[in-house]
Amino acid sequence: MLFERRISKSAISQLEVRQKKYISSLETPKNVRLHYIEETNNNNQHHSKISSPPSPPLSPHLQKYKTSTQESTITTDNINQIPTISKHSKLLVTAIVFNDSLIYFGIFFIETTTTTTTASTVNVSAYWSFDNTTDDSYGVYNGLLINNPLFTTATATNLPYVGNGQALTFTSGSSQSFAVSSPFFNLSYTSFTFEAWIYYSTTTSDRGIFGQCQCSTCTNQCLYLIMRNNRLYVDFTSNYLSGSTAITTTYWYHIAFVYNYETRQQILYLNGVQDAIKSNAQPYQGQNGSIHIGSAQTYSTTCYYQSYIDNVALTTRAKSSVEILRDASLMAYYSFDSPNPTVDSGPNGLDGISSNTATVSGRVNQAMRFLGSSSSYFRAYGLYQVPYGIIISKPFSMALWINPSSLYNIAIIQMFSSTISLFSCETLLGIYSSSGSTTSGQIIVHNFNNYASYLTGPFVTQNIWTHISLTYSVTNGYTLYVNGVLFGSTGTVSYVQSSTLAYLYIGYTLSCSGNAVTSSYQGYIDELYIYNRELSQTDVTSLANP
């Protein structure tokens, strides 16, 4: 007698890249001989079909900043259980032996097992720089402008926040937005992370930032991220999370939303810091709909953004809090490594230039060597909240390794406004020698009024690697760390603003008005980090011990 279970076929995922079959086993009595006649039904066997054209080459800063999980490659960190059926019939013939006689009872059982196939997802990513283009930097999810939002002026000296390229300007009264309709960006039943820089002014109206909607009234089928009551607010429709921080200042903000499919969590971040979290959040389930930036549908209403949006990133992976903080706060990172020693290896692509320098063995991999003349320098442009930048009273930090050949009144880091003149610059970090010696000098912070400085640090040793971290906040002023050890703080002080994006120079040494440090840096520099936040002791310790 044959018994067969009929089980309906489940939906098959778009990309099924791996199958595992788990077959149950039967415990066999010692006096029973089992003979299996195995029949396999292949009607429901599914094979991976992943075909995509080769990705276009990324810009250098995107190549350097790719996460450990490569885009558009198979990964196993996001496994979804997809029920499928594998009919596996086993014809069981039993024979029981009594003494030397063999008695057959015949065929009496067929086992049909149901298996579960696990399919790993493919991480899909898009990045819209809005640098006078609507194209995705990966060349796949290219978009269109709706009702003519404008790009900021390429020659502007006060925009955008990251100081590289342009941003997109939205006017809510004109119902402007940016849309990607094809190909469909599938965010359903998966983890994903959305990030952007927004320039925000307080308002009583909802401001749409990002959305994708299949059914505006259906639970979990309409995704929107907006500003509501001057707070971040995200909803899958009847499945929402509201931020805890009310924005009160017109400024640039880094925002991020993470949905973690594995933990069923929604997480909002503001400037790299977790702002709100919700557990037991069901996944977004929309199976179609265009991506919208600068607008979002909330039930029967579409709300639009007002002002600038820049550097939008979307990926089907739940980024960690460490990654989000890095994206939000690391303004630039120069490793000075070959083959591109002036490339910014951080998230923003603020590549520098150098003149009459050399790449040599450094403290970490390679370093940049400076000759001690004004023609030997490294320069980077586009820093927002630093001395001679756009604005005052905002935190920042810089950290680097130095190995000076000379210690006589040398400038390590100088800051300039966009005009680069001796009346709009300062020596932020230098070495001062009161005795005139080239082999003995102390670190100084913010040299002004001839030999005065905000902070005079310890002596440094010639031809020895020394790690320096300099942080700033309104409360603590400048704080200096040497080789990871706290030296001291100034207390409350301010720095000069120019209302333009700032230049950073190493080795150039223009005699800034009132400065006594006038010699060009001679020696080696390595691992320069620039942040828009005040680093903690833990951060500094980590940087000083690579």
Protein backbone atom coordinates (compact mmCIF):
# COMPACT_ATOMS: atom_id res chain seq x y z
CA MET A 1 0.00 0.00 0.00
CA LEU A 2 1.42 3.40 -0.97
CA PHE A 3 0.99 6.59 1.02
CA GLU A 4 1.95 9.96 -0.42
CA ARG A 5 1.75 13.43 1.15
CA ARG A 6 0.94 16.24 -1.20
CA ILE A 7 2.41 19.58 -0.23
CA SER A 8 1.84 22.77 -2.18
CA LYS A 9 4.81 24.46 -3.76
CA SER A 10 5.96 27.65 -2.13
CA ALA A 11 7.09 30.82 -3.83
CA ILE A 12 10.60 30.71 -5.16
CA SER A 13 13.00 33.56 -4.40
CA GLN A 14 14.32 35.76 -7.17
CA LEU A 15 17.87 34.67 -6.53
CA GLU A 16 18.34 31.21 -5.10
CA VAL A 17 22.05 30.71 -4.92
CA ARG A 18 22.50 27.70 -2.74
CA GLN A 19 20.44 24.63 -1.77
CA LYS A 20 20.79 22.29 1.15
CA LYS A 21 18.68 19.19 1.61
CA TYR A 22 18.08 17.69 4.99
CA ILE A 23 16.86 14.11 4.77
CA SER A 24 15.47 12.44 7.85
CA SER A 25 16.71 8.98 8.75
CA LEU A 26 14.98 6.01 10.35
CA GLU A 27 16.40 3.99 13.15
CA THR A 28 16.75 0.39 11.93
CA PRO A 29 16.28 -2.63 14.21
CA LYS A 30 19.22 -5.01 14.07
CA ASN A 31 17.09 -7.91 12.83
CA VAL A 32 15.59 -5.98 9.96
CA ARG A 33 17.26 -5.78 6.57
CA LEU A 34 16.32 -2.63 4.68
CA HIS A 35 16.47 -2.29 0.92
CA TYR A 36 15.81 1.18 -0.52
CA ILE A 37 14.62 1.77 -4.01
CA GLU A 38 15.17 5.52 -4.35
CA GLU A 39 13.22 7.68 -6.76
CA THR A 40 13.99 11.34 -7.15
CA ASN A 41 11.52 13.80 -8.57
CA ASN A 42 13.43 16.72 -10.09
CA ASN A 43 10.38 18.73 -10.99
CA ASN A 44 11.02 21.09 -8.13
CA GLN A 45 14.79 21.38 -8.19
CA HIS A 46 15.84 25.01 -8.66
CA HIS A 47 19.19 26.26 -9.83
CA SER A 48 20.85 29.61 -9.44
CA LYS A 49 20.63 31.93 -12.42
CA ILE A 50 22.72 34.96 -11.67
CA SER A 51 23.69 36.90 -14.72
CA SER A 52 24.78 40.49 -14.62
CA PRO A 53 27.07 42.61 -16.75
CA PRO A 54 30.43 43.55 -15.29
CA SER A 55 30.24 46.59 -13.03
CA PRO A 56 31.79 49.81 -14.32
CA PRO A 57 35.01 50.86 -12.61
CA LEU A 58 34.37 52.76 -9.39
CA SER A 59 35.90 56.09 -8.54
CA PRO A 60 39.08 55.71 -6.46
CA HIS A 61 37.43 56.67 -3.19
CA LEU A 62 34.61 54.17 -3.71
CA GLN A 63 37.13 51.46 -4.52
CA LYS A 64 39.04 52.21 -1.34
CA TYR A 65 35.92 52.36 0.80
CA LYS A 66 34.16 49.18 -0.26
CA THR A 67 33.18 47.14 2.77
CA SER A 68 34.44 43.65 3.35
CA THR A 69 31.29 42.33 1.74
CA GLN A 70 31.79 43.00 -1.95
CA GLU A 71 28.91 44.49 -3.85
CA SER A 72 27.04 42.22 -6.24
CA THR A 73 28.74 39.10 -4.95
CA ILE A 74 27.27 36.14 -3.14
CA THR A 75 27.46 36.39 0.63
CA THR A 76 26.27 34.23 3.47
CA ASP A 77 25.65 36.76 6.21
CA ASN A 78 22.00 37.21 5.33
CA ILE A 79 20.35 33.81 5.01
CA ASN A 80 16.61 33.59 4.52
CA GLN A 81 14.68 30.37 4.92
CA ILE A 82 12.73 29.75 1.75
CA PRO A 83 10.41 26.73 1.95
CA THR A 84 10.63 24.49 -1.13
CA ILE A 85 9.64 20.92 -1.80
CA SER A 86 11.97 18.11 -2.73
CA LYS A 87 9.99 14.90 -3.30
CA HIS A 88 12.23 12.09 -2.17
CA SER A 89 10.41 8.75 -2.31
CA LYS A 90 11.94 5.79 -0.57
CA LEU A 91 10.52 2.35 -1.31
CA LEU A 92 11.02 0.24 1.79
CA VAL A 93 11.25 -3.52 1.44
CA THR A 94 11.48 -5.39 4.73
CA ALA A 95 12.57 -8.88 5.44
CA ILE A 96 12.49 -10.50 8.84
CA VAL A 97 14.65 -13.57 9.46
CA PHE A 98 13.44 -16.36 11.73
CA ASN A 99 16.20 -18.92 12.16
CA ASP A 100 17.23 -19.77 8.57
CA SER A 101 13.87 -19.00 6.99
CA LEU A 102 13.27 -15.76 5.19
CA ILE A 103 9.77 -14.38 5.33
CA TYR A 104 8.93 -11.34 3.14
CA PHE A 105 6.09 -9.03 4.06
CA GLY A 106 6.46 -7.12 0.82
CA ILE A 107 6.36 -3.43 0.13
CA PHE A 108 4.37 -1.59 2.71
CA PHE A 109 5.71 1.96 3.15
CA ILE A 110 6.86 4.94 1.14
CA GLU A 111 8.41 7.89 2.96
CA THR A 112 8.08 11.32 1.35
CA THR A 113 10.17 13.99 3.04
CA THR A 114 9.77 17.73 2.88
CA THR A 115 13.00 19.69 2.88
CA THR A 116 13.80 23.34 3.41
CA THR A 117 16.13 25.10 1.01
CA THR A 118 18.23 27.93 2.38
CA ALA A 119 19.01 30.66 -0.10
CA SER A 120 21.65 33.27 0.55
CA THR A 121 20.99 36.73 -0.77
CA VAL A 122 23.10 38.90 -3.01
CA ASN A 123 24.06 42.26 -1.55
CA VAL A 124 22.78 44.94 -3.90
CA SER A 125 24.00 48.53 -3.57
CA ALA A 126 23.46 51.92 -5.13
CA TYR A 127 25.22 55.24 -4.54
CA TRP A 128 23.95 58.55 -5.85
CA SER A 129 26.58 61.29 -5.50
CA PHE A 130 24.44 63.96 -7.20
CA ASP A 131 27.63 65.47 -8.61
CA ASN A 132 25.79 66.96 -11.57
CA THR A 133 24.52 63.49 -12.44
CA THR A 134 21.50 61.33 -11.70
CA ASP A 135 23.43 58.12 -12.33
CA ASP A 136 24.14 55.47 -9.75
CA SER A 137 27.92 55.25 -9.24
CA TYR A 138 27.65 51.49 -9.85
CA GLY A 139 25.89 52.14 -13.15
CA VAL A 140 22.71 50.15 -12.43
CA TYR A 141 20.06 52.22 -10.64
CA ASN A 142 20.19 55.41 -12.68
CA GLY A 143 17.43 57.89 -11.96
CA LEU A 144 15.45 60.83 -13.32
CA LEU A 145 14.72 64.30 -11.99
CA ILE A 146 11.03 65.05 -11.49
CA ASN A 147 9.90 68.69 -11.80
CA ASN A 148 13.47 69.87 -12.26
CA PRO A 149 15.30 69.94 -8.92
CA LEU A 150 18.66 71.66 -9.42
CA PHE A 151 22.24 70.74 -8.68
CA THR A 152 24.23 73.17 -6.58
CA THR A 153 26.83 75.28 -8.38
CA ALA A 154 30.03 73.37 -9.06
CA THR A 155 32.16 76.41 -8.14
CA ALA A 156 30.42 77.09 -4.82
CA THR A 157 32.87 77.53 -1.93
CA ASN A 158 30.34 76.79 0.81
CA LEU A 159 28.56 73.68 -0.56
CA PRO A 160 28.13 70.76 -0.18
CA TYR A 161 29.01 69.56 3.29
CA VAL A 162 31.65 67.05 2.26
CA GLY A 163 33.33 69.65 0.04
CA ASN A 164 33.48 67.39 -2.98
CA GLY A 165 31.25 67.73 -6.03
CA GLN A 166 27.69 68.97 -5.74
CA ALA A 167 24.36 68.31 -4.05
CA LEU A 168 20.76 68.21 -5.24
CA THR A 169 18.41 71.04 -4.27
CA PHE A 170 14.72 70.29 -3.74
CA THR A 171 11.85 72.77 -3.56
CA SER A 172 8.83 71.30 -1.80
CA GLY A 173 6.39 73.78 -3.32
CA SER A 174 7.31 72.55 -6.80
CA SER A 175 6.79 68.86 -5.93
CA GLN A 176 10.35 68.02 -6.91
CA SER A 177 11.99 64.63 -6.44
CA PHE A 178 14.43 62.10 -7.84
CA ALA A 179 13.14 58.70 -8.94
CA VAL A 180 14.52 55.31 -9.96
CA SER A 181 11.85 53.20 -11.63
CA SER A 182 13.91 50.55 -13.40
CA PRO A 183 15.33 48.16 -12.51
CA PHE A 184 13.29 47.47 -9.40
CA PHE A 185 15.34 47.79 -6.21
CA ASN A 186 14.03 44.96 -4.06
CA LEU A 187 14.03 45.79 -0.34
CA SER A 188 11.38 43.26 0.68
CA TYR A 189 12.07 40.53 3.22
CA THR A 190 15.71 41.53 3.61
CA SER A 191 18.08 43.68 5.61
CA PHE A 192 18.95 47.08 4.20
CA THR A 193 20.66 50.36 5.07
CA PHE A 194 19.84 53.84 3.80
CA GLU A 195 22.24 56.77 4.36
CA ALA A 196 22.30 60.39 3.22
CA TRP A 197 23.53 63.87 4.03
CA ILE A 198 20.69 66.36 4.37
CA TYR A 199 20.63 70.09 4.98
CA TYR A 200 17.65 70.63 7.21
CA SER A 201 15.71 73.64 8.48
CA THR A 202 13.07 73.28 11.16
CA THR A 203 9.46 73.19 9.98
CA THR A 204 6.02 72.05 11.07
CA SER A 205 5.50 70.14 7.82
CA ASP A 206 6.48 66.58 7.01
CA ARG A 207 9.52 66.46 4.71
CA GLY A 208 9.94 63.40 2.50
CA ILE A 209 13.48 62.06 2.22
CA PHE A 210 13.18 58.54 0.84
CA GLY A 211 10.43 56.14 -0.12
CA GLN A 212 9.25 53.10 -2.04
CA CYS A 213 5.58 52.19 -2.15
CA GLN A 214 3.53 49.31 -3.54
CA CYS A 215 0.31 49.96 -1.64
CA SER A 216 0.01 53.12 0.45
CA THR A 217 -2.67 51.70 2.76
CA CYS A 218 -1.39 48.12 3.05
CA THR A 219 0.53 47.09 6.14
CA ASN A 220 4.28 46.77 5.50
CA GLN A 221 3.94 47.52 1.78
CA CYS A 222 4.80 51.23 1.73
CA LEU A 223 8.19 52.39 3.01
CA TYR A 224 8.89 56.02 3.80
CA LEU A 225 11.58 57.94 5.67
CA ILE A 226 10.64 61.51 6.48
CA MET A 227 11.23 64.35 8.90
CA ARG A 228 8.19 64.71 11.15
CA ASN A 229 8.05 67.23 13.98
CA ASN A 230 11.74 67.88 13.21
CA ARG A 231 12.59 64.27 14.04
CA LEU A 232 13.50 61.34 11.84
CA TYR A 233 10.51 59.09 11.23
CA VAL A 234 10.37 55.80 9.33
CA ASP A 235 7.38 53.61 8.56
CA PHE A 236 6.67 50.47 6.55
CA THR A 237 2.98 51.45 6.98
CA SER A 238 1.55 50.55 10.39
CA ASN A 239 5.08 49.57 11.43
CA TYR A 240 6.91 52.76 12.39
CA LEU A 241 9.77 54.20 14.43
CA SER A 242 10.17 57.83 15.48
CA GLY A 243 13.50 59.44 16.33
CA SER A 244 14.12 60.83 19.80
CA THR A 245 16.19 63.90 18.87
CA ALA A 246 14.45 67.06 17.69
CA ILE A 247 16.62 69.08 15.31
CA THR A 248 16.70 72.74 16.28
CA THR A 249 19.56 74.12 14.17
CA THR A 250 19.70 74.65 10.42
CA TYR A 251 22.69 72.57 9.41
CA TRP A 252 23.97 69.49 7.57
CA TYR A 253 23.09 66.16 9.16
CA HIS A 254 24.09 62.61 8.37
CA ILE A 255 21.06 60.34 8.65
CA ALA A 256 20.82 56.57 8.45
CA PHE A 257 18.14 53.91 8.75
CA VAL A 258 18.96 50.24 9.20
CA TYR A 259 16.52 47.37 9.02
CA ASN A 260 18.03 44.11 10.27
CA TYR A 261 16.01 41.20 8.91
CA GLU A 262 17.78 38.65 11.11
CA THR A 263 17.07 40.47 14.39
CA ARG A 264 13.83 42.12 13.20
CA GLN A 265 15.07 45.56 14.29
CA GLN A 266 14.51 49.05 12.92
CA ILE A 267 17.28 51.51 13.88
CA LEU A 268 17.54 55.25 13.20
CA TYR A 269 20.86 57.11 13.40
CA LEU A 270 21.52 60.85 13.51
CA ASN A 271 25.11 61.99 12.92
CA GLY A 272 26.34 58.45 13.46
CA VAL A 273 24.67 58.02 16.86
CA GLN A 274 21.75 55.67 17.43
CA ASP A 275 18.65 57.83 17.81
CA ALA A 276 15.93 55.19 18.16
CA ILE A 277 15.47 51.43 17.92
CA LYS A 278 12.51 49.09 17.62
CA SER A 279 12.51 45.32 18.05
CA ASN A 280 10.04 42.75 16.72
CA ALA A 281 9.54 44.86 13.60
CA GLN A 282 8.14 42.88 10.70
CA PRO A 283 9.98 43.27 7.38
CA TYR A 284 9.04 45.57 4.57
CA GLN A 285 7.06 43.55 2.03
CA GLY A 286 6.65 45.79 -1.01
CA GLN A 287 7.20 43.82 -4.22
CA ASN A 288 7.22 46.74 -6.64
CA GLY A 289 7.49 50.51 -6.70
CA SER A 290 10.00 53.18 -7.68
CA ILE A 291 12.71 54.52 -5.40
CA HIS A 292 12.04 58.17 -4.54
CA ILE A 293 14.51 60.62 -3.00
CA GLY A 294 13.26 64.04 -1.98
CA SER A 295 9.69 62.79 -1.65
CA ALA A 296 7.75 60.04 0.10
CA GLN A 297 4.17 58.80 -0.01
CA THR A 298 2.48 58.65 3.38
CA TYR A 299 -0.90 57.01 2.91
CA SER A 300 -2.83 59.33 0.56
CA THR A 301 -0.36 62.22 0.83
CA THR A 302 3.02 62.77 -0.82
CA CYS A 303 5.37 64.97 1.17
CA TYR A 304 8.37 66.68 -0.41
CA TYR A 305 11.77 67.78 0.83
CA GLN A 306 12.97 71.36 1.07
CA SER A 307 16.71 72.11 0.63
CA TYR A 308 19.77 69.94 -0.08
CA ILE A 309 20.31 66.17 -0.16
CA ASP A 310 23.68 64.65 -1.01
CA ASN A 311 25.63 61.38 -1.18
CA VAL A 312 22.77 58.89 -0.87
CA ALA A 313 23.73 55.25 -0.30
CA LEU A 314 21.44 52.22 -0.27
CA THR A 315 22.47 48.61 0.29
CA THR A 316 20.71 45.34 1.11
CA ARG A 317 22.85 44.77 4.17
CA ALA A 318 22.41 45.81 7.79
CA LYS A 319 25.41 48.03 8.47
CA SER A 320 26.85 47.97 11.98
CA SER A 321 26.89 50.94 14.33
CA VAL A 322 30.66 51.18 13.82
CA GLU A 323 30.21 51.51 10.06
CA ILE A 324 27.48 54.13 10.44
CA LEU A 325 29.62 56.20 12.81
CA ARG A 326 32.52 56.04 10.37
CA ASP A 327 30.34 57.11 7.44
CA ALA A 328 28.95 60.03 9.44
CA SER A 329 32.08 61.32 11.15
CA LEU A 330 35.19 60.43 9.14
CA MET A 331 35.64 63.45 6.92
CA ALA A 332 38.86 62.25 5.32
CA TYR A 333 41.55 59.61 5.76
CA TYR A 334 44.91 59.80 4.01
CA SER A 335 46.98 56.65 4.38
CA PHE A 336 49.69 58.00 2.01
CA ASP A 337 50.08 54.46 0.71
CA SER A 338 51.07 53.45 -2.80
CA PRO A 339 49.95 53.43 -5.53
CA ASN A 340 47.75 56.49 -4.84
CA PRO A 341 49.25 58.30 -1.83
CA THR A 342 47.03 61.39 -2.10
CA VAL A 343 43.70 59.53 -2.35
CA ASP A 344 41.15 59.94 0.44
CA SER A 345 40.40 56.42 1.69
CA GLY A 346 37.41 57.62 3.70
CA PRO A 347 33.78 57.79 2.55
CA ASN A 348 33.81 61.24 0.94
CA GLY A 349 36.49 61.25 -1.75
CA LEU A 350 38.29 64.43 -0.70
CA ASP A 351 41.40 63.51 -2.65
CA GLY A 352 44.42 65.72 -2.09
CA ILE A 353 47.39 66.74 -4.20
CA SER A 354 51.09 66.78 -3.42
CA SER A 355 54.16 68.57 -4.73
CA ASN A 356 57.80 67.48 -4.44
CA THR A 357 57.08 64.70 -2.00
CA ALA A 358 58.08 61.04 -1.99
CA THR A 359 56.39 57.83 -0.90
CA VAL A 360 58.61 55.96 1.54
CA SER A 361 58.36 53.25 4.18
CA GLY A 362 56.14 54.57 6.96
CA ARG A 363 54.76 53.84 10.40
CA VAL A 364 51.90 51.89 8.78
CA ASN A 365 52.76 50.68 5.28
CA GLN A 366 53.95 53.79 3.40
CA ALA A 367 54.33 57.43 4.43
CA MET A 368 54.85 60.76 2.68
CA ARG A 369 58.25 62.47 2.93
CA PHE A 370 58.54 66.27 2.88
CA LEU A 371 61.72 68.12 1.94
CA GLY A 372 61.46 71.16 4.21
CA SER A 373 60.71 73.76 1.53
CA SER A 374 57.56 75.64 0.57
CA SER A 375 57.47 73.73 -2.71
CA SER A 376 57.17 70.39 -0.90
CA TYR A 377 53.66 69.98 0.46
CA PHE A 378 50.40 68.04 0.63
CA ARG A 379 47.07 69.85 0.23
CA ALA A 380 43.42 68.84 0.69
CA TYR A 381 40.36 71.00 0.10
CA GLY A 382 36.74 70.86 1.20
CA LEU A 383 36.69 70.71 5.02
CA TYR A 384 33.55 72.17 6.56
CA GLN A 385 33.87 72.44 10.34
CA VAL A 386 37.52 73.18 11.04
CA PRO A 387 39.42 76.44 11.60
CA TYR A 388 38.84 78.75 8.63
CA GLY A 389 35.97 76.54 7.53
CA ILE A 390 32.29 77.29 7.08
CA ILE A 391 31.19 77.49 10.68
CA ILE A 392 32.46 77.80 14.25
CA SER A 393 31.51 76.00 17.46
CA LYS A 394 31.43 72.57 15.84
CA PRO A 395 33.65 69.68 16.97
CA PHE A 396 36.48 68.17 14.96
CA SER A 397 39.54 65.97 15.46
CA MET A 398 42.78 65.25 13.62
CA ALA A 399 45.22 62.42 14.20
CA LEU A 400 48.50 61.58 12.47
CA TRP A 401 51.98 60.12 12.82
CA ILE A 402 54.96 62.48 12.51
CA ASN A 403 58.67 61.74 12.17
CA PRO A 404 60.42 65.11 11.86
CA SER A 405 64.00 65.53 10.65
CA SER A 406 64.14 69.11 11.94
CA LEU A 407 62.46 70.62 15.00
CA TYR A 408 63.12 74.31 14.53
CA ASN A 409 59.86 76.31 14.41
CA ILE A 410 58.11 74.13 11.86
CA ALA A 411 54.46 74.04 10.87
CA ILE A 412 52.92 70.59 10.68
CA ILE A 413 49.31 71.47 9.78
CA GLN A 414 48.12 74.85 8.53
CA MET A 415 44.51 75.78 7.81
CA PHE A 416 43.44 78.28 5.13
CA SER A 417 40.20 79.72 3.86
CA SER A 418 39.38 79.19 0.20
CA THR A 419 41.28 82.38 -0.70
CA ILE A 420 44.64 81.15 0.72
CA SER A 421 46.25 84.29 2.09
CA LEU A 422 48.40 85.12 5.10
CA PHE A 423 45.42 86.99 6.58
CA SER A 424 43.12 83.96 6.47
CA CYS A 425 45.25 81.15 7.84
CA GLU A 426 46.65 79.71 11.04
CA THR A 427 49.20 77.13 12.13
CA LEU A 428 46.96 74.61 13.84
CA LEU A 429 49.74 72.22 14.80
CA GLY A 430 53.47 72.86 14.85
CA ILE A 431 56.77 72.42 16.66
CA TYR A 432 58.40 75.37 18.43
CA SER A 433 61.99 75.65 19.60
CA SER A 434 62.65 78.51 22.01
CA SER A 435 66.39 77.88 21.96
CA GLY A 436 66.69 77.97 18.19
CA SER A 437 67.80 74.34 18.16
CA THR A 438 66.96 72.12 15.20
CA THR A 439 67.05 69.04 17.44
CA SER A 440 64.80 70.13 20.31
CA GLY A 441 61.25 71.38 20.09
CA GLN A 442 57.79 71.25 21.66
CA ILE A 443 54.42 70.62 20.08
CA ILE A 444 52.23 73.72 19.93
CA VAL A 445 48.53 74.05 19.18
CA HIS A 446 47.14 77.10 17.37
CA ASN A 447 50.08 79.46 17.12
CA PHE A 448 49.10 83.14 17.26
CA ASN A 449 50.52 86.50 18.32
CA ASN A 450 54.14 85.57 17.57
CA TYR A 451 55.23 82.87 20.03
CA ALA A 452 51.95 82.42 21.88
CA SER A 453 49.79 79.34 21.43
CA TYR A 454 46.63 77.92 22.92
CA LEU A 455 48.49 74.87 24.17
CA THR A 456 52.17 73.97 24.46
CA GLY A 457 52.76 70.25 24.58
CA PRO A 458 55.70 67.97 25.33
CA PHE A 459 59.04 67.80 23.55
CA VAL A 460 59.26 65.53 20.56
CA THR A 461 62.25 63.51 19.43
CA GLN A 462 63.96 63.98 16.11
CA ASN A 463 63.76 61.07 13.64
CA ILE A 464 61.35 59.11 15.86
CA TRP A 465 57.72 58.30 15.07
CA THR A 466 55.30 60.15 17.36
CA HIS A 467 51.52 59.90 17.25
CA ILE A 468 49.57 63.13 17.76
CA SER A 469 45.81 63.49 18.20
CA LEU A 470 44.17 66.90 18.46
CA THR A 471 40.47 67.19 19.28
CA TYR A 472 38.13 70.13 19.66
CA SER A 473 34.75 70.79 21.26
CA VAL A 474 33.11 73.92 22.60
CA THR A 475 33.22 72.57 26.15
CA ASN A 476 36.77 71.23 26.25
CA GLY A 477 38.40 73.44 23.66
CA TYR A 478 41.53 71.86 22.19
CA THR A 479 42.70 68.58 23.72
CA LEU A 480 46.13 67.17 22.88
CA TYR A 481 47.15 63.52 23.05
CA VAL A 482 50.70 62.32 22.38
CA ASN A 483 51.30 58.64 21.67
CA GLY A 484 47.78 57.95 22.87
CA VAL A 485 48.28 59.66 26.24
CA LEU A 486 46.27 62.71 27.26
CA PHE A 487 48.53 65.74 27.68
CA GLY A 488 46.05 68.53 28.39
CA SER A 489 43.13 70.71 27.30
CA THR A 490 42.68 74.43 26.83
CA GLY A 491 39.17 74.72 28.18
CA THR A 492 36.62 76.79 26.30
CA VAL A 493 38.11 78.55 23.27
CA SER A 494 36.84 79.21 19.77
CA TYR A 495 38.35 79.03 16.32
CA VAL A 496 38.05 81.37 13.35
CA GLN A 497 35.53 80.76 10.59
CA SER A 498 35.69 82.02 7.02
CA SER A 499 32.24 80.92 5.78
CA THR A 500 34.03 78.97 3.03
CA LEU A 501 35.31 75.43 2.79
CA ALA A 502 38.83 75.17 4.19
CA TYR A 503 42.17 73.99 2.86
CA LEU A 504 44.51 71.82 4.90
CA TYR A 505 48.24 72.05 4.14
CA ILE A 506 51.17 70.00 5.36
CA GLY A 507 54.67 71.29 4.58
CA TYR A 508 53.69 74.50 2.75
CA THR A 509 54.24 77.05 5.50
CA LEU A 510 52.88 80.42 4.61
CA SER A 511 53.83 82.91 7.31
CA CYS A 512 50.34 83.47 8.64
CA SER A 513 49.84 86.92 10.10
CA GLY A 514 51.11 87.01 13.69
CA ASN A 515 52.58 83.48 13.61
CA ALA A 516 56.13 82.74 14.71
CA VAL A 517 56.28 79.24 13.23
CA THR A 518 57.68 79.96 9.79
CA SER A 519 59.71 76.93 8.68
CA SER A 520 58.46 74.21 6.35
CA TYR A 521 58.06 70.70 7.66
CA GLN A 522 60.90 68.31 6.94
CA GLY A 523 60.41 64.61 7.61
CA TYR A 524 57.68 62.00 7.32
CA ILE A 525 53.90 62.07 7.81
CA ASP A 526 51.63 59.01 7.95
CA GLU A 527 48.01 58.02 8.60
CA LEU A 528 46.17 61.36 8.70
CA TYR A 529 42.58 61.10 9.96
CA ILE A 530 40.13 64.03 10.04
CA TYR A 531 36.83 63.70 11.91
CA ASN A 532 33.83 65.96 12.47
CA ARG A 533 33.51 64.86 16.10
CA GLU A 534 35.56 65.00 19.27
CA LEU A 535 37.38 61.69 19.56
CA SER A 536 37.31 59.85 22.88
CA GLN A 537 40.28 58.43 24.74
CA THR A 538 39.31 54.99 23.42
CA ASP A 539 39.34 56.29 19.85
CA VAL A 540 42.72 57.92 20.32
CA THR A 541 44.22 54.82 21.91
CA SER A 542 43.09 52.75 18.96
CA LEU A 543 44.62 55.14 16.42
CA ALA A 544 47.90 55.33 18.35
CA ASN A 545 48.22 51.54 18.38
CA PRO A 546 47.63 50.36 14.81
